[in-house]
């Protein structure tokens, strides 16, 4: 059992939102983590889907000063 498997067991009763980079590696990671959650008996995590090629830092920089 690795870190992600243990994490999936430790989040019982919590809402989890994945925000991975919007590239092939991020999409692959999202699929892997969702499978681990389901295997641990949890629903698949929610996802914030970013524009292609962007990451969470880009998301917050775009929002800075807009509100």
PDB file of N, CA and C in Angstrom:
ATOM      1  N   UNK A   1       0.856  -1.174   0.000  1.00  0.00           N
ATOM      2  CA  UNK A   1       0.000   0.000   0.000  1.00  0.00           C
ATOM      3  C   UNK A   1       0.902   1.237   0.000  1.00  0.00           C
ATOM      4  N   UNK A   2       0.679   2.137  -0.960  1.00  0.00           N
ATOM      5  CA  UNK A   2       1.501   3.340  -1.036  1.00  0.00           C
ATOM      6  C   UNK A   2       0.751   4.544  -0.463  1.00  0.00           C
ATOM      7  N   UNK A   3       1.369   5.704  -0.568  1.00  0.00           N
ATOM      8  CA  UNK A   3       0.817   6.936   0.009  1.00  0.00           C
ATOM      9  C   UNK A   3      -0.603   7.219  -0.485  1.00  0.00           C
ATOM     10  N   UNK A   4      -0.834   7.121  -1.791  1.00  0.00           N
ATOM     11  CA  UNK A   4      -2.161   7.446  -2.322  1.00  0.00           C
ATOM     12  C   UNK A   4      -3.221   6.457  -1.859  1.00  0.00           C
ATOM     13  N   UNK A   5      -2.859   5.189  -1.732  1.00  0.00           N
ATOM     14  CA  UNK A   5      -3.805   4.211  -1.198  1.00  0.00           C
ATOM     15  C   UNK A   5      -4.151   4.543   0.256  1.00  0.00           C
ATOM     16  N   UNK A   6      -3.143   4.897   1.054  1.00  0.00           N
ATOM     17  CA  UNK A   6      -3.403   5.252   2.457  1.00  0.00           C
ATOM     18  C   UNK A   6      -4.247   6.521   2.541  1.00  0.00           C
ATOM     19  N   UNK A   7      -3.960   7.491   1.684  1.00  0.00           N
ATOM     20  CA  UNK A   7      -4.739   8.723   1.665  1.00  0.00           C
ATOM     21  C   UNK A   7      -6.197   8.432   1.352  1.00  0.00           C
ATOM     22  N   UNK A   8      -6.441   7.567   0.384  1.00  0.00           N
ATOM     23  CA  UNK A   8      -7.815   7.227   0.017  1.00  0.00           C
ATOM     24  C   UNK A   8      -8.558   6.621   1.212  1.00  0.00           C
ATOM     25  N   UNK A   9      -7.862   5.900   2.059  1.00  0.00           N
ATOM     26  CA  UNK A   9      -8.498   5.329   3.249  1.00  0.00           C
ATOM     27  C   UNK A   9      -8.726   6.385   4.332  1.00  0.00           C
ATOM     28  N   UNK A  10      -7.888   7.422   4.385  1.00  0.00           N
ATOM     29  CA  UNK A  10      -7.948   8.426   5.445  1.00  0.00           C
ATOM     30  C   UNK A  10      -8.970   9.536   5.216  1.00  0.00           C
ATOM     31  N   UNK A  11      -9.597   9.592   4.069  1.00  0.00           N
ATOM     32  CA  UNK A  11     -10.484  10.722   3.771  1.00  0.00           C
ATOM     33  C   UNK A  11     -11.962  10.391   3.969  1.00  0.00           C
ATOM     34  N   UNK A  12     -12.254   9.327   4.659  1.00  0.00           N
ATOM     35  CA  UNK A  12     -13.653   8.941   4.878  1.00  0.00           C
ATOM     36  C   UNK A  12     -14.459  10.123   5.392  1.00  0.00           C
ATOM     37  N   UNK A  13     -15.625  10.350   4.764  1.00  0.00           N
ATOM     38  CA  UNK A  13     -16.535  11.393   5.211  1.00  0.00           C
ATOM     39  C   UNK A  13     -16.160  12.798   4.785  1.00  0.00           C
ATOM     40  N   UNK A  14     -15.139  12.957   3.987  1.00  0.00           N
ATOM     41  CA  UNK A  14     -14.693  14.283   3.545  1.00  0.00           C
ATOM     42  C   UNK A  14     -14.993  14.464   2.062  1.00  0.00           C
ATOM     43  N   UNK A  15     -15.229  15.700   1.676  1.00  0.00           N
ATOM     44  CA  UNK A  15     -15.381  16.030   0.262  1.00  0.00           C
ATOM     45  C   UNK A  15     -13.987  16.298  -0.303  1.00  0.00           C
ATOM     46  N   UNK A  16     -13.661  15.630  -1.396  1.00  0.00           N
ATOM     47  CA  UNK A  16     -12.345  15.770  -2.010  1.00  0.00           C
ATOM     48  C   UNK A  16     -12.524  16.340  -3.408  1.00  0.00           C
ATOM     49  N   UNK A  17     -11.748  17.376  -3.714  1.00  0.00           N
ATOM     50  CA  UNK A  17     -11.766  17.979  -5.045  1.00  0.00           C
ATOM     51  C   UNK A  17     -10.356  17.887  -5.613  1.00  0.00           C
ATOM     52  N   UNK A  18     -10.220  17.215  -6.735  1.00  0.00           N
ATOM     53  CA  UNK A  18      -8.926  17.109  -7.410  1.00  0.00           C
ATOM     54  C   UNK A  18      -8.746  18.289  -8.347  1.00  0.00           C
ATOM     55  N   UNK A  19      -7.562  18.881  -8.314  1.00  0.00           N
ATOM     56  CA  UNK A  19      -7.205  19.944  -9.250  1.00  0.00           C
ATOM     57  C   UNK A  19      -5.819  19.594  -9.783  1.00  0.00           C
ATOM     58  N   UNK A  20      -5.824  18.877 -10.867  1.00  0.00           N
ATOM     59  CA  UNK A  20      -4.571  18.442 -11.470  1.00  0.00           C
ATOM     60  C   UNK A  20      -4.259  19.343 -12.664  1.00  0.00           C
ATOM     61  N   UNK A  21      -3.005  19.345 -13.094  1.00  0.00           N
ATOM     62  CA  UNK A  21      -2.643  20.106 -14.288  1.00  0.00           C
ATOM     63  C   UNK A  21      -3.458  19.621 -15.479  1.00  0.00           C
ATOM     64  N   UNK A  22      -3.785  20.544 -16.359  1.00  0.00           N
ATOM     65  CA  UNK A  22      -4.593  20.225 -17.539  1.00  0.00           C
ATOM     66  C   UNK A  22      -3.682  19.788 -18.688  1.00  0.00           C
ATOM     67  N   UNK A  23      -3.068  18.640 -18.489  1.00  0.00           N
ATOM     68  CA  UNK A  23      -2.217  18.041 -19.520  1.00  0.00           C
ATOM     69  C   UNK A  23      -2.359  16.525 -19.400  1.00  0.00           C
ATOM     70  N   UNK A  24      -1.663  15.797 -20.255  1.00  0.00           N
ATOM     71  CA  UNK A  24      -1.802  14.337 -20.247  1.00  0.00           C
ATOM     72  C   UNK A  24      -1.446  13.727 -18.894  1.00  0.00           C
ATOM     73  N   UNK A  25      -0.378  14.202 -18.278  1.00  0.00           N
ATOM     74  CA  UNK A  25       0.031  13.661 -16.981  1.00  0.00           C
ATOM     75  C   UNK A  25      -1.027  13.939 -15.916  1.00  0.00           C
ATOM     76  N   UNK A  26      -1.611  15.126 -15.928  1.00  0.00           N
ATOM     77  CA  UNK A  26      -2.655  15.459 -14.962  1.00  0.00           C
ATOM     78  C   UNK A  26      -3.896  14.604 -15.144  1.00  0.00           C
ATOM     79  N   UNK A  27      -4.290  14.376 -16.394  1.00  0.00           N
ATOM     80  CA  UNK A  27      -5.453  13.525 -16.659  1.00  0.00           C
ATOM     81  C   UNK A  27      -5.180  12.079 -16.232  1.00  0.00           C
ATOM     82  N   UNK A  28      -3.974  11.597 -16.487  1.00  0.00           N
ATOM     83  CA  UNK A  28      -3.609  10.238 -16.064  1.00  0.00           C
ATOM     84  C   UNK A  28      -3.636  10.136 -14.538  1.00  0.00           C
ATOM     85  N   UNK A  29      -3.093  11.138 -13.862  1.00  0.00           N
ATOM     86  CA  UNK A  29      -3.105  11.149 -12.411  1.00  0.00           C
ATOM     87  C   UNK A  29      -4.513  11.176 -11.847  1.00  0.00           C
ATOM     88  N   UNK A  30      -5.393  11.940 -12.472  1.00  0.00           N
ATOM     89  CA  UNK A  30      -6.786  12.009 -12.034  1.00  0.00           C
ATOM     90  C   UNK A  30      -7.443  10.642 -12.131  1.00  0.00           C
ATOM     91  N   UNK A  31      -7.234   9.950 -13.239  1.00  0.00           N
ATOM     92  CA  UNK A  31      -7.816   8.603 -13.403  1.00  0.00           C
ATOM     93  C   UNK A  31      -7.281   7.647 -12.342  1.00  0.00           C
ATOM     94  N   UNK A  32      -5.982   7.707 -12.101  1.00  0.00           N
ATOM     95  CA  UNK A  32      -5.362   6.824 -11.120  1.00  0.00           C
ATOM     96  C   UNK A  32      -5.926   7.086  -9.721  1.00  0.00           C
ATOM     97  N   UNK A  33      -6.000   8.335  -9.324  1.00  0.00           N
ATOM     98  CA  UNK A  33      -6.501   8.668  -7.993  1.00  0.00           C
ATOM     99  C   UNK A  33      -7.973   8.290  -7.862  1.00  0.00           C
ATOM    100  N   UNK A  34      -8.775   8.555  -8.886  1.00  0.00           N
ATOM    101  CA  UNK A  34     -10.200   8.188  -8.835  1.00  0.00           C
ATOM    102  C   UNK A  34     -10.353   6.677  -8.661  1.00  0.00           C
ATOM    103  N   UNK A  35      -9.564   5.890  -9.357  1.00  0.00           N
ATOM    104  CA  UNK A  35      -9.625   4.424  -9.208  1.00  0.00           C
ATOM    105  C   UNK A  35      -9.284   3.996  -7.784  1.00  0.00           C
ATOM    106  N   UNK A  36      -8.297   4.633  -7.195  1.00  0.00           N
ATOM    107  CA  UNK A  36      -7.908   4.292  -5.829  1.00  0.00           C
ATOM    108  C   UNK A  36      -9.026   4.628  -4.838  1.00  0.00           C
ATOM    109  N   UNK A  37      -9.681   5.761  -5.043  1.00  0.00           N
ATOM    110  CA  UNK A  37     -10.787   6.138  -4.157  1.00  0.00           C
ATOM    111  C   UNK A  37     -11.910   5.113  -4.272  1.00  0.00           C
ATOM    112  N   UNK A  38     -12.248   4.751  -5.482  1.00  0.00           N
ATOM    113  CA  UNK A  38     -13.332   3.788  -5.698  1.00  0.00           C
ATOM    114  C   UNK A  38     -12.960   2.439  -5.096  1.00  0.00           C
ATOM    115  N   UNK A  39     -11.725   2.024  -5.296  1.00  0.00           N
ATOM    116  CA  UNK A  39     -11.250   0.750  -4.728  1.00  0.00           C
ATOM    117  C   UNK A  39     -11.333   0.765  -3.198  1.00  0.00           C
ATOM    118  N   UNK A  40     -11.149   1.954  -2.578  1.00  0.00           N
ATOM    119  CA  UNK A  40     -11.220   2.082  -1.120  1.00  0.00           C
ATOM    120  C   UNK A  40     -12.666   2.238  -0.636  1.00  0.00           C
ATOM    121  N   UNK A  41     -13.647   2.225  -1.573  1.00  0.00           N
ATOM    122  CA  UNK A  41     -15.050   2.307  -1.187  1.00  0.00           C
ATOM    123  C   UNK A  41     -15.615   3.710  -1.135  1.00  0.00           C
ATOM    124  N   UNK A  42     -14.890   4.698  -1.667  1.00  0.00           N
ATOM    125  CA  UNK A  42     -15.349   6.090  -1.697  1.00  0.00           C
ATOM    126  C   UNK A  42     -15.885   6.428  -3.078  1.00  0.00           C
ATOM    127  N   UNK A  43     -16.725   7.454  -3.154  1.00  0.00           N
ATOM    128  CA  UNK A  43     -17.088   7.937  -4.491  1.00  0.00           C
ATOM    129  C   UNK A  43     -15.861   8.577  -5.146  1.00  0.00           C
ATOM    130  N   UNK A  44     -15.867   8.644  -6.449  1.00  0.00           N
ATOM    131  CA  UNK A  44     -14.783   9.326  -7.151  1.00  0.00           C
ATOM    132  C   UNK A  44     -14.764  10.791  -6.704  1.00  0.00           C
ATOM    133  N   UNK A  45     -13.580  11.386  -6.540  1.00  0.00           N
ATOM    134  CA  UNK A  45     -13.497  12.781  -6.116  1.00  0.00           C
ATOM    135  C   UNK A  45     -14.083  13.717  -7.165  1.00  0.00           C
ATOM    136  N   UNK A  46     -14.534  14.875  -6.704  1.00  0.00           N
ATOM    137  CA  UNK A  46     -14.957  15.929  -7.622  1.00  0.00           C
ATOM    138  C   UNK A  46     -13.712  16.449  -8.325  1.00  0.00           C
ATOM    139  N   UNK A  47     -13.913  17.131  -9.463  1.00  0.00           N
ATOM    140  CA  UNK A  47     -12.769  17.661 -10.198  1.00  0.00           C
ATOM    141  C   UNK A  47     -13.028  19.098 -10.604  1.00  0.00           C
ATOM    142  N   UNK A  48     -12.017  19.925 -10.481  1.00  0.00           N
ATOM    143  CA  UNK A  48     -12.015  21.252 -11.079  1.00  0.00           C
ATOM    144  C   UNK A  48     -11.196  21.096 -12.353  1.00  0.00           C
ATOM    145  N   UNK A  49     -11.837  21.266 -13.493  1.00  0.00           N
ATOM    146  CA  UNK A  49     -11.163  21.058 -14.776  1.00  0.00           C
ATOM    147  C   UNK A  49     -10.688  22.401 -15.300  1.00  0.00           C
ATOM    148  N   UNK A  50      -9.399  22.504 -15.503  1.00  0.00           N
ATOM    149  CA  UNK A  50      -8.769  23.738 -15.959  1.00  0.00           C
ATOM    150  C   UNK A  50      -8.643  23.740 -17.477  1.00  0.00           C
ATOM    151  N   UNK A  51      -8.392  24.926 -18.026  1.00  0.00           N
ATOM    152  CA  UNK A  51      -8.140  25.028 -19.465  1.00  0.00           C
ATOM    153  C   UNK A  51      -6.875  24.251 -19.814  1.00  0.00           C
ATOM    154  N   UNK A  52      -6.843  23.696 -21.016  1.00  0.00           N
ATOM    155  CA  UNK A  52      -5.718  22.882 -21.480  1.00  0.00           C
ATOM    156  C   UNK A  52      -4.391  23.606 -21.238  1.00  0.00           C
ATOM    157  N   UNK A  53      -3.439  22.889 -20.658  1.00  0.00           N
ATOM    158  CA  UNK A  53      -2.104  23.421 -20.426  1.00  0.00           C
ATOM    159  C   UNK A  53      -1.970  24.282 -19.182  1.00  0.00           C
ATOM    160  N   UNK A  54      -3.046  24.495 -18.438  1.00  0.00           N
ATOM    161  CA  UNK A  54      -3.013  25.354 -17.254  1.00  0.00           C
ATOM    162  C   UNK A  54      -2.870  24.524 -15.990  1.00  0.00           C
ATOM    163  N   UNK A  55      -2.499  25.204 -14.895  1.00  0.00           N
ATOM    164  CA  UNK A  55      -2.439  24.557 -13.598  1.00  0.00           C
ATOM    165  C   UNK A  55      -3.146  25.444 -12.580  1.00  0.00           C
ATOM    166  N   UNK A  56      -3.180  25.012 -11.327  1.00  0.00           N
ATOM    167  CA  UNK A  56      -3.921  25.736 -10.304  1.00  0.00           C
ATOM    168  C   UNK A  56      -3.375  27.146 -10.095  1.00  0.00           C
ATOM    169  N   UNK A  57      -2.071  27.316 -10.189  1.00  0.00           N
ATOM    170  CA  UNK A  57      -1.480  28.640 -10.059  1.00  0.00           C
ATOM    171  C   UNK A  57      -2.007  29.571 -11.150  1.00  0.00           C
ATOM    172  N   UNK A  58      -2.092  29.100 -12.380  1.00  0.00           N
ATOM    173  CA  UNK A  58      -2.645  29.909 -13.466  1.00  0.00           C
ATOM    174  C   UNK A  58      -4.085  30.317 -13.150  1.00  0.00           C
ATOM    175  N   UNK A  59      -4.857  29.394 -12.595  1.00  0.00           N
ATOM    176  CA  UNK A  59      -6.261  29.663 -12.243  1.00  0.00           C
ATOM    177  C   UNK A  59      -6.347  30.822 -11.252  1.00  0.00           C
ATOM    178  N   UNK A  60      -5.548  30.767 -10.192  1.00  0.00           N
ATOM    179  CA  UNK A  60      -5.611  31.834  -9.180  1.00  0.00           C
ATOM    180  C   UNK A  60      -5.034  33.145  -9.690  1.00  0.00           C
ATOM    181  N   UNK A  61      -4.007  33.097 -10.499  1.00  0.00           N
ATOM    182  CA  UNK A  61      -3.472  34.338 -11.073  1.00  0.00           C
ATOM    183  C   UNK A  61      -4.500  35.021 -11.963  1.00  0.00           C
ATOM    184  N   UNK A  62      -5.278  34.232 -12.697  1.00  0.00           N
ATOM    185  CA  UNK A  62      -6.309  34.802 -13.569  1.00  0.00           C
ATOM    186  C   UNK A  62      -7.422  35.445 -12.740  1.00  0.00           C
ATOM    187  N   UNK A  63      -7.691  34.902 -11.547  1.00  0.00           N
ATOM    188  CA  UNK A  63      -8.755  35.424 -10.679  1.00  0.00           C
ATOM    189  C   UNK A  63      -8.300  36.617  -9.849  1.00  0.00           C
ATOM    190  N   UNK A  64      -6.995  36.790  -9.686  1.00  0.00           N
ATOM    191  CA  UNK A  64      -6.458  37.855  -8.844  1.00  0.00           C
ATOM    192  C   UNK A  64      -6.925  39.217  -9.343  1.00  0.00           C
ATOM    193  N   UNK A  65      -7.498  39.978  -8.454  1.00  0.00           N
ATOM    194  CA  UNK A  65      -7.947  41.308  -8.815  1.00  0.00           C
ATOM    195  C   UNK A  65      -9.302  41.368  -9.484  1.00  0.00           C
ATOM    196  N   UNK A  66      -9.970  40.215  -9.627  1.00  0.00           N
ATOM    197  CA  UNK A  66     -11.288  40.236 -10.287  1.00  0.00           C
ATOM    198  C   UNK A  66     -12.414  40.290  -9.269  1.00  0.00           C
ATOM    199  N   UNK A  67     -12.112  40.256  -8.013  1.00  0.00           N
ATOM    200  CA  UNK A  67     -13.209  40.243  -7.062  1.00  0.00           C
ATOM    201  C   UNK A  67     -12.763  40.656  -5.752  1.00  0.00           C
TER     202      UNK A  67
END
